[in-house]
Amino acid sequence: AIVLFPTAATEQHGPHLPVGTDHLILKELTD
């Protein structure tokens, strides 16, 4: 078996993106 441990961030992404951008993108790719 192979375990993938996803790590991301919650941080500002300019005025147009949510602060959860990094982990929302990673979640979408995982899903």
Full PDB file with SEQRES, HELIX, SHEET, SSBOND, CRYST1, ORIGX, SCALE, CONECT and MASTER records, all heavy atoms in Angstrom:
SEQRES   1 A   31  ALA ILE VAL LEU PHE PRO THR ALA ALA THR GLU GLN HIS          
SEQRES   2 A   31  GLY PRO HIS LEU PRO VAL GLY THR ASP HIS LEU ILE LEU          
SEQRES   3 A   31  LYS GLU LEU THR ASP                                          
HELIX    1 AA1 THR A   21  THR A   30  1                                  10    
CRYST1    1.000    1.000    1.000  90.00  90.00  90.00 P 1           1          
ORIGX1      1.000000  0.000000  0.000000        0.00000                         
ORIGX2      0.000000  1.000000  0.000000        0.00000                         
ORIGX3      0.000000  0.000000  1.000000        0.00000                         
SCALE1      1.000000  0.000000  0.000000        0.00000                         
SCALE2      0.000000  1.000000  0.000000        0.00000                         
SCALE3      0.000000  0.000000  1.000000        0.00000                         
ATOM      1  N   ALA A   1       0.823  -1.218   0.000  1.00  0.00           N  
ATOM      2  CA  ALA A   1       0.000   0.000   0.000  1.00  0.00           C  
ATOM      3  C   ALA A   1       0.853   1.263   0.000  1.00  0.00           C  
ATOM      4  O   ALA A   1       1.991   1.280   0.471  1.00  0.00           O  
ATOM      5  CB  ALA A   1      -0.921  -0.007   1.217  1.00  0.00           C  
ATOM      6  N   ILE A   2       0.291   2.329  -0.553  1.00  0.00           N  
ATOM      7  CA  ILE A   2       0.925   3.644  -0.558  1.00  0.00           C  
ATOM      8  C   ILE A   2      -0.053   4.636   0.067  1.00  0.00           C  
ATOM      9  O   ILE A   2      -1.208   4.730  -0.348  1.00  0.00           O  
ATOM     10  CB  ILE A   2       1.274   4.091  -1.985  1.00  0.00           C  
ATOM     11  CG1 ILE A   2       2.239   3.089  -2.639  1.00  0.00           C  
ATOM     12  CG2 ILE A   2       1.886   5.491  -1.978  1.00  0.00           C  
ATOM     13  CD1 ILE A   2       2.489   3.370  -4.106  1.00  0.00           C  
ATOM     14  N   VAL A   3       0.419   5.354   1.078  1.00  0.00           N  
ATOM     15  CA  VAL A   3      -0.387   6.395   1.718  1.00  0.00           C  
ATOM     16  C   VAL A   3       0.090   7.759   1.236  1.00  0.00           C  
ATOM     17  O   VAL A   3       1.285   8.062   1.268  1.00  0.00           O  
ATOM     18  CB  VAL A   3      -0.281   6.317   3.258  1.00  0.00           C  
ATOM     19  CG1 VAL A   3      -1.064   7.463   3.904  1.00  0.00           C  
ATOM     20  CG2 VAL A   3      -0.791   4.975   3.772  1.00  0.00           C  
ATOM     21  N   LEU A   4      -0.849   8.585   0.774  1.00  0.00           N  
ATOM     22  CA  LEU A   4      -0.549   9.966   0.436  1.00  0.00           C  
ATOM     23  C   LEU A   4      -1.070  10.861   1.553  1.00  0.00           C  
ATOM     24  O   LEU A   4      -2.247  10.753   1.945  1.00  0.00           O  
ATOM     25  CB  LEU A   4      -1.194  10.375  -0.887  1.00  0.00           C  
ATOM     26  CG  LEU A   4      -0.571   9.770  -2.146  1.00  0.00           C  
ATOM     27  CD1 LEU A   4      -1.226   8.436  -2.485  1.00  0.00           C  
ATOM     28  CD2 LEU A   4      -0.692  10.734  -3.327  1.00  0.00           C  
ATOM     29  N   PHE A   5      -0.213  11.709   2.098  1.00  0.00           N  
ATOM     30  CA  PHE A   5      -0.583  12.627   3.170  1.00  0.00           C  
ATOM     31  C   PHE A   5      -0.657  14.029   2.582  1.00  0.00           C  
ATOM     32  O   PHE A   5       0.368  14.658   2.352  1.00  0.00           O  
ATOM     33  CB  PHE A   5       0.463  12.534   4.281  1.00  0.00           C  
ATOM     34  CG  PHE A   5       0.210  13.415   5.485  1.00  0.00           C  
ATOM     35  CD1 PHE A   5      -1.009  14.050   5.687  1.00  0.00           C  
ATOM     36  CD2 PHE A   5       1.213  13.603   6.417  1.00  0.00           C  
ATOM     37  CE1 PHE A   5      -1.234  14.855   6.788  1.00  0.00           C  
ATOM     38  CE2 PHE A   5       1.007  14.403   7.526  1.00  0.00           C  
ATOM     39  CZ  PHE A   5      -0.218  15.033   7.716  1.00  0.00           C  
ATOM     40  N   PRO A   6      -1.872  14.551   2.323  1.00  0.00           N  
ATOM     41  CA  PRO A   6      -2.009  15.865   1.685  1.00  0.00           C  
ATOM     42  C   PRO A   6      -1.766  17.005   2.684  1.00  0.00           C  
ATOM     43  O   PRO A   6      -2.352  17.038   3.768  1.00  0.00           O  
ATOM     44  CB  PRO A   6      -3.462  15.872   1.197  1.00  0.00           C  
ATOM     45  CG  PRO A   6      -3.957  14.461   1.349  1.00  0.00           C  
ATOM     46  CD  PRO A   6      -3.162  13.876   2.467  1.00  0.00           C  
ATOM     47  N   THR A   7      -0.917  17.947   2.295  1.00  0.00           N  
ATOM     48  CA  THR A   7      -0.646  19.118   3.120  1.00  0.00           C  
ATOM     49  C   THR A   7      -0.873  20.367   2.284  1.00  0.00           C  
ATOM     50  O   THR A   7      -0.474  20.432   1.121  1.00  0.00           O  
ATOM     51  CB  THR A   7       0.797  19.107   3.658  1.00  0.00           C  
ATOM     52  OG1 THR A   7       1.724  19.033   2.557  1.00  0.00           O  
ATOM     53  CG2 THR A   7       1.024  17.899   4.568  1.00  0.00           C  
ATOM     54  N   ALA A   8      -1.510  21.366   2.890  1.00  0.00           N  
ATOM     55  CA  ALA A   8      -1.871  22.562   2.130  1.00  0.00           C  
ATOM     56  C   ALA A   8      -1.706  23.799   3.014  1.00  0.00           C  
ATOM     57  O   ALA A   8      -0.791  23.865   3.838  1.00  0.00           O  
ATOM     58  CB  ALA A   8      -3.293  22.420   1.599  1.00  0.00           C  
ATOM     59  N   ALA A   9      -2.581  24.775   2.843  1.00  0.00           N  
ATOM     60  CA  ALA A   9      -2.472  26.015   3.592  1.00  0.00           C  
ATOM     61  C   ALA A   9      -3.809  26.742   3.576  1.00  0.00           C  
ATOM     62  O   ALA A   9      -4.673  26.482   2.742  1.00  0.00           O  
ATOM     63  CB  ALA A   9      -1.392  26.922   2.990  1.00  0.00           C  
ATOM     64  N   THR A  10      -3.963  27.667   4.531  1.00  0.00           N  
ATOM     65  CA  THR A  10      -5.071  28.618   4.550  1.00  0.00           C  
ATOM     66  C   THR A  10      -4.442  30.000   4.648  1.00  0.00           C  
ATOM     67  O   THR A  10      -3.900  30.359   5.698  1.00  0.00           O  
ATOM     68  CB  THR A  10      -6.011  28.353   5.741  1.00  0.00           C  
ATOM     69  OG1 THR A  10      -6.555  27.026   5.632  1.00  0.00           O  
ATOM     70  CG2 THR A  10      -7.154  29.357   5.765  1.00  0.00           C  
ATOM     71  N   GLU A  11      -4.470  30.746   3.539  1.00  0.00           N  
ATOM     72  CA  GLU A  11      -3.736  32.009   3.481  1.00  0.00           C  
ATOM     73  C   GLU A  11      -4.324  32.898   2.396  1.00  0.00           C  
ATOM     74  O   GLU A  11      -5.009  32.420   1.491  1.00  0.00           O  
ATOM     75  CB  GLU A  11      -2.258  31.745   3.181  1.00  0.00           C  
ATOM     76  CG  GLU A  11      -2.057  31.081   1.827  1.00  0.00           C  
ATOM     77  CD  GLU A  11      -0.622  30.700   1.528  1.00  0.00           C  
ATOM     78  OE1 GLU A  11       0.125  30.424   2.480  1.00  0.00           O  
ATOM     79  OE2 GLU A  11      -0.263  30.666   0.336  1.00  0.00           O  
ATOM     80  N   GLN A  12      -4.013  34.168   2.478  1.00  0.00           N  
ATOM     81  CA  GLN A  12      -4.527  35.120   1.495  1.00  0.00           C  
ATOM     82  C   GLN A  12      -4.086  34.758   0.088  1.00  0.00           C  
ATOM     83  O   GLN A  12      -2.962  34.334  -0.154  1.00  0.00           O  
ATOM     84  CB  GLN A  12      -4.069  36.531   1.855  1.00  0.00           C  
ATOM     85  CG  GLN A  12      -2.614  36.844   1.589  1.00  0.00           C  
ATOM     86  CD  GLN A  12      -2.326  37.281   0.169  1.00  0.00           C  
ATOM     87  OE1 GLN A  12      -3.194  37.831  -0.531  1.00  0.00           O  
ATOM     88  NE2 GLN A  12      -1.104  37.041  -0.287  1.00  0.00           N  
ATOM     89  N   HIS A  13      -5.003  34.931  -0.857  1.00  0.00           N  
ATOM     90  CA  HIS A  13      -4.719  34.728  -2.278  1.00  0.00           C  
ATOM     91  C   HIS A  13      -5.265  35.910  -3.075  1.00  0.00           C  
ATOM     92  O   HIS A  13      -6.053  35.750  -4.019  1.00  0.00           O  
ATOM     93  CB  HIS A  13      -5.335  33.416  -2.773  1.00  0.00           C  
ATOM     94  CG  HIS A  13      -4.480  32.216  -2.539  1.00  0.00           C  
ATOM     95  ND1 HIS A  13      -4.332  31.649  -1.298  1.00  0.00           N  
ATOM     96  CD2 HIS A  13      -3.702  31.482  -3.381  1.00  0.00           C  
ATOM     97  CE1 HIS A  13      -3.508  30.605  -1.382  1.00  0.00           C  
ATOM     98  NE2 HIS A  13      -3.119  30.491  -2.638  1.00  0.00           N  
ATOM     99  N   GLY A  14      -4.806  37.116  -2.674  1.00  0.00           N  
ATOM    100  CA  GLY A  14      -5.241  38.299  -3.388  1.00  0.00           C  
ATOM    101  C   GLY A  14      -6.689  38.630  -3.107  1.00  0.00           C  
ATOM    102  O   GLY A  14      -7.355  37.989  -2.286  1.00  0.00           O  
ATOM    103  N   PRO A  15      -7.235  39.624  -3.813  1.00  0.00           N  
ATOM    104  CA  PRO A  15      -8.616  40.036  -3.565  1.00  0.00           C  
ATOM    105  C   PRO A  15      -9.664  39.141  -4.211  1.00  0.00           C  
ATOM    106  O   PRO A  15     -10.844  39.251  -3.882  1.00  0.00           O  
ATOM    107  CB  PRO A  15      -8.664  41.442  -4.188  1.00  0.00           C  
ATOM    108  CG  PRO A  15      -7.635  41.413  -5.266  1.00  0.00           C  
ATOM    109  CD  PRO A  15      -6.538  40.525  -4.774  1.00  0.00           C  
ATOM    110  N   HIS A  16      -9.243  38.253  -5.114  1.00  0.00           N  
ATOM    111  CA  HIS A  16     -10.231  37.545  -5.940  1.00  0.00           C  
ATOM    112  C   HIS A  16     -10.417  36.074  -5.584  1.00  0.00           C  
ATOM    113  O   HIS A  16     -11.372  35.447  -6.034  1.00  0.00           O  
ATOM    114  CB  HIS A  16      -9.845  37.647  -7.418  1.00  0.00           C  
ATOM    115  CG  HIS A  16      -8.593  36.906  -7.781  1.00  0.00           C  
ATOM    116  ND1 HIS A  16      -7.348  37.289  -7.335  1.00  0.00           N  
ATOM    117  CD2 HIS A  16      -8.386  35.787  -8.546  1.00  0.00           C  
ATOM    118  CE1 HIS A  16      -6.435  36.459  -7.812  1.00  0.00           C  
ATOM    119  NE2 HIS A  16      -7.038  35.548  -8.545  1.00  0.00           N  
ATOM    120  N   LEU A  17      -9.525  35.508  -4.780  1.00  0.00           N  
ATOM    121  CA  LEU A  17      -9.616  34.090  -4.428  1.00  0.00           C  
ATOM    122  C   LEU A  17      -9.814  33.913  -2.928  1.00  0.00           C  
ATOM    123  O   LEU A  17      -9.355  34.735  -2.125  1.00  0.00           O  
ATOM    124  CB  LEU A  17      -8.339  33.351  -4.847  1.00  0.00           C  
ATOM    125  CG  LEU A  17      -8.080  33.175  -6.340  1.00  0.00           C  
ATOM    126  CD1 LEU A  17      -6.758  32.459  -6.566  1.00  0.00           C  
ATOM    127  CD2 LEU A  17      -9.215  32.414  -7.016  1.00  0.00           C  
ATOM    128  N   PRO A  18     -10.456  32.821  -2.505  1.00  0.00           N  
ATOM    129  CA  PRO A  18     -10.640  32.571  -1.077  1.00  0.00           C  
ATOM    130  C   PRO A  18      -9.340  32.151  -0.409  1.00  0.00           C  
ATOM    131  O   PRO A  18      -8.408  31.673  -1.070  1.00  0.00           O  
ATOM    132  CB  PRO A  18     -11.658  31.421  -1.060  1.00  0.00           C  
ATOM    133  CG  PRO A  18     -11.438  30.700  -2.356  1.00  0.00           C  
ATOM    134  CD  PRO A  18     -11.081  31.777  -3.349  1.00  0.00           C  
ATOM    135  N   VAL A  19      -9.293  32.324   0.918  1.00  0.00           N  
ATOM    136  CA  VAL A  19      -8.076  31.974   1.656  1.00  0.00           C  
ATOM    137  C   VAL A  19      -7.838  30.462   1.663  1.00  0.00           C  
ATOM    138  O   VAL A  19      -6.731  30.001   1.943  1.00  0.00           O  
ATOM    139  CB  VAL A  19      -8.107  32.519   3.095  1.00  0.00           C  
ATOM    140  CG1 VAL A  19      -8.125  34.035   3.088  1.00  0.00           C  
ATOM    141  CG2 VAL A  19      -9.295  31.961   3.897  1.00  0.00           C  
ATOM    142  N   GLY A  20      -8.858  29.688   1.351  1.00  0.00           N  
ATOM    143  CA  GLY A  20      -8.707  28.235   1.314  1.00  0.00           C  
ATOM    144  C   GLY A  20      -8.249  27.690  -0.028  1.00  0.00           C  
ATOM    145  O   GLY A  20      -8.295  26.468  -0.242  1.00  0.00           O  
ATOM    146  N   THR A  21      -7.786  28.544  -0.922  1.00  0.00           N  
ATOM    147  CA  THR A  21      -7.462  28.132  -2.289  1.00  0.00           C  
ATOM    148  C   THR A  21      -6.563  26.904  -2.345  1.00  0.00           C  
ATOM    149  O   THR A  21      -6.850  25.937  -3.068  1.00  0.00           O  
ATOM    150  CB  THR A  21      -6.813  29.299  -3.062  1.00  0.00           C  
ATOM    151  OG1 THR A  21      -7.824  30.291  -3.321  1.00  0.00           O  
ATOM    152  CG2 THR A  21      -6.226  28.840  -4.381  1.00  0.00           C  
ATOM    153  N   ASP A  22      -5.464  26.902  -1.595  1.00  0.00           N  
ATOM    154  CA  ASP A  22      -4.526  25.781  -1.676  1.00  0.00           C  
ATOM    155  C   ASP A  22      -5.172  24.460  -1.299  1.00  0.00           C  
ATOM    156  O   ASP A  22      -4.993  23.443  -1.982  1.00  0.00           O  
ATOM    157  CB  ASP A  22      -3.308  26.032  -0.783  1.00  0.00           C  
ATOM    158  CG  ASP A  22      -2.362  27.060  -1.360  1.00  0.00           C  
ATOM    159  OD1 ASP A  22      -2.441  27.335  -2.565  1.00  0.00           O  
ATOM    160  OD2 ASP A  22      -1.538  27.595  -0.594  1.00  0.00           O  
ATOM    161  N   HIS A  23      -5.914  24.461  -0.189  1.00  0.00           N  
ATOM    162  CA  HIS A  23      -6.483  23.158   0.213  1.00  0.00           C  
ATOM    163  C   HIS A  23      -7.735  22.805  -0.569  1.00  0.00           C  
ATOM    164  O   HIS A  23      -8.051  21.613  -0.758  1.00  0.00           O  
ATOM    165  CB  HIS A  23      -6.675  23.063   1.736  1.00  0.00           C  
ATOM    166  CG  HIS A  23      -7.754  23.897   2.338  1.00  0.00           C  
ATOM    167  ND1 HIS A  23      -9.069  23.535   2.303  1.00  0.00           N  
ATOM    168  CD2 HIS A  23      -7.697  25.039   3.058  1.00  0.00           C  
ATOM    169  CE1 HIS A  23      -9.800  24.421   2.976  1.00  0.00           C  
ATOM    170  NE2 HIS A  23      -8.990  25.354   3.435  1.00  0.00           N  
ATOM    171  N   LEU A  24      -8.441  23.793  -1.108  1.00  0.00           N  
ATOM    172  CA  LEU A  24      -9.587  23.484  -1.972  1.00  0.00           C  
ATOM    173  C   LEU A  24      -9.130  22.860  -3.288  1.00  0.00           C  
ATOM    174  O   LEU A  24      -9.751  21.921  -3.794  1.00  0.00           O  
ATOM    175  CB  LEU A  24     -10.395  24.749  -2.237  1.00  0.00           C  
ATOM    176  CG  LEU A  24     -11.154  25.313  -1.031  1.00  0.00           C  
ATOM    177  CD1 LEU A  24     -11.704  26.695  -1.359  1.00  0.00           C  
ATOM    178  CD2 LEU A  24     -12.270  24.375  -0.600  1.00  0.00           C  
ATOM    179  N   ILE A  25      -8.032  23.368  -3.857  1.00  0.00           N  
ATOM    180  CA  ILE A  25      -7.484  22.776  -5.076  1.00  0.00           C  
ATOM    181  C   ILE A  25      -6.993  21.365  -4.815  1.00  0.00           C  
ATOM    182  O   ILE A  25      -7.262  20.436  -5.596  1.00  0.00           O  
ATOM    183  CB  ILE A  25      -6.348  23.647  -5.634  1.00  0.00           C  
ATOM    184  CG1 ILE A  25      -6.909  24.960  -6.200  1.00  0.00           C  
ATOM    185  CG2 ILE A  25      -5.565  22.899  -6.718  1.00  0.00           C  
ATOM    186  CD1 ILE A  25      -5.851  25.975  -6.591  1.00  0.00           C  
ATOM    187  N   LEU A  26      -6.283  21.165  -3.715  1.00  0.00           N  
ATOM    188  CA  LEU A  26      -5.773  19.832  -3.392  1.00  0.00           C  
ATOM    189  C   LEU A  26      -6.917  18.862  -3.126  1.00  0.00           C  
ATOM    190  O   LEU A  26      -6.872  17.698  -3.542  1.00  0.00           O  
ATOM    191  CB  LEU A  26      -4.839  19.911  -2.186  1.00  0.00           C  
ATOM    192  CG  LEU A  26      -4.069  18.643  -1.831  1.00  0.00           C  
ATOM    193  CD1 LEU A  26      -3.230  18.142  -2.999  1.00  0.00           C  
ATOM    194  CD2 LEU A  26      -3.183  18.877  -0.611  1.00  0.00           C  
ATOM    195  N   LYS A  27      -7.958  19.319  -2.445  1.00  0.00           N  
ATOM    196  CA  LYS A  27      -9.128  18.467  -2.203  1.00  0.00           C  
ATOM    197  C   LYS A  27      -9.787  18.073  -3.517  1.00  0.00           C  
ATOM    198  O   LYS A  27     -10.186  16.914  -3.695  1.00  0.00           O  
ATOM    199  CB  LYS A  27     -10.137  19.180  -1.310  1.00  0.00           C  
ATOM    200  CG  LYS A  27     -11.401  18.358  -1.028  1.00  0.00           C  
ATOM    201  CD  LYS A  27     -12.395  19.132  -0.198  1.00  0.00           C  
ATOM    202  CE  LYS A  27     -13.623  18.273   0.114  1.00  0.00           C  
ATOM    203  NZ  LYS A  27     -14.342  17.844  -1.105  1.00  0.00           N  
ATOM    204  N   GLU A  28      -9.924  19.036  -4.435  1.00  0.00           N  
ATOM    205  CA  GLU A  28     -10.551  18.738  -5.723  1.00  0.00           C  
ATOM    206  C   GLU A  28      -9.744  17.695  -6.498  1.00  0.00           C  
ATOM    207  O   GLU A  28     -10.317  16.765  -7.077  1.00  0.00           O  
ATOM    208  CB  GLU A  28     -10.685  20.012  -6.549  1.00  0.00           C  
ATOM    209  CG  GLU A  28     -11.331  19.832  -7.911  1.00  0.00           C  
ATOM    210  CD  GLU A  28     -12.822  19.552  -7.849  1.00  0.00           C  
ATOM    211  OE1 GLU A  28     -13.427  19.734  -6.755  1.00  0.00           O  
ATOM    212  OE2 GLU A  28     -13.400  19.162  -8.886  1.00  0.00           O  
ATOM    213  N   LEU A  29      -8.435  17.841  -6.494  1.00  0.00           N  
ATOM    214  CA  LEU A  29      -7.600  16.868  -7.198  1.00  0.00           C  
ATOM    215  C   LEU A  29      -7.718  15.494  -6.549  1.00  0.00           C  
ATOM    216  O   LEU A  29      -7.842  14.475  -7.246  1.00  0.00           O  
ATOM    217  CB  LEU A  29      -6.147  17.325  -7.218  1.00  0.00           C  
ATOM    218  CG  LEU A  29      -5.147  16.345  -7.855  1.00  0.00           C  
ATOM    219  CD1 LEU A  29      -5.567  15.944  -9.256  1.00  0.00           C  
ATOM    220  CD2 LEU A  29      -3.745  16.947  -7.860  1.00  0.00           C  
ATOM    221  N   THR A  30      -7.706  15.455  -5.228  1.00  0.00           N  
ATOM    222  CA  THR A  30      -7.864  14.181  -4.516  1.00  0.00           C  
ATOM    223  C   THR A  30      -9.212  13.546  -4.843  1.00  0.00           C  
ATOM    224  O   THR A  30      -9.292  12.346  -5.140  1.00  0.00           O  
ATOM    225  CB  THR A  30      -7.739  14.402  -3.002  1.00  0.00           C  
ATOM    226  OG1 THR A  30      -6.450  14.936  -2.705  1.00  0.00           O  
ATOM    227  CG2 THR A  30      -7.927  13.095  -2.246  1.00  0.00           C  
ATOM    228  N   ASP A  31     -10.277  14.346  -4.797  1.00  0.00           N  
ATOM    229  CA  ASP A  31     -11.618  13.823  -5.092  1.00  0.00           C  
ATOM    230  C   ASP A  31     -11.683  13.272  -6.518  1.00  0.00           C  
ATOM    231  O   ASP A  31     -12.259  12.202  -6.757  1.00  0.00           O  
ATOM    232  CB  ASP A  31     -12.670  14.917  -4.928  1.00  0.00           C  
ATOM    233  CG  ASP A  31     -12.901  15.304  -3.478  1.00  0.00           C  
ATOM    234  OD1 ASP A  31     -12.451  14.570  -2.580  1.00  0.00           O  
ATOM    235  OD2 ASP A  31     -13.520  16.366  -3.240  1.00  0.00           O  
TER     236      ASP A  31                                                      
MASTER        0    0    0    1    0    0    0    6  235    1    0    3          
END                                                                             
